[in-house]
Amino acid sequence: MIDPTDIRLGDIVRMRKVHPCGGTDWRVVRLGTDIGLICLTCQRKVLMPRGQFAKQVKLHLERGPETPPFPYH
């Protein structure tokens, strides 16, 4: 099982609560203090605090691409 704090852009996750449209699967589109998500059913965008996101994630369905570390020169 993947740690809910180990998230990448492009991850597809299943949340515990059902969205009002009936969807439970979301794509991660923003990382930071808040996590940006897009509902895969209705395409609605939401921002969720990172702590709340970690509690609400039920399952990682698909991993996003692993980005290489930023080269510091």
Foldseek 3Di string as FASTA:
>chain_A
DDQQLPADQQWKFFWPDADPVRARIWGFHDDDQWTWIAGPPPRDIDTHGSVVSSVGTDGTPDHDDDDDDDDDD
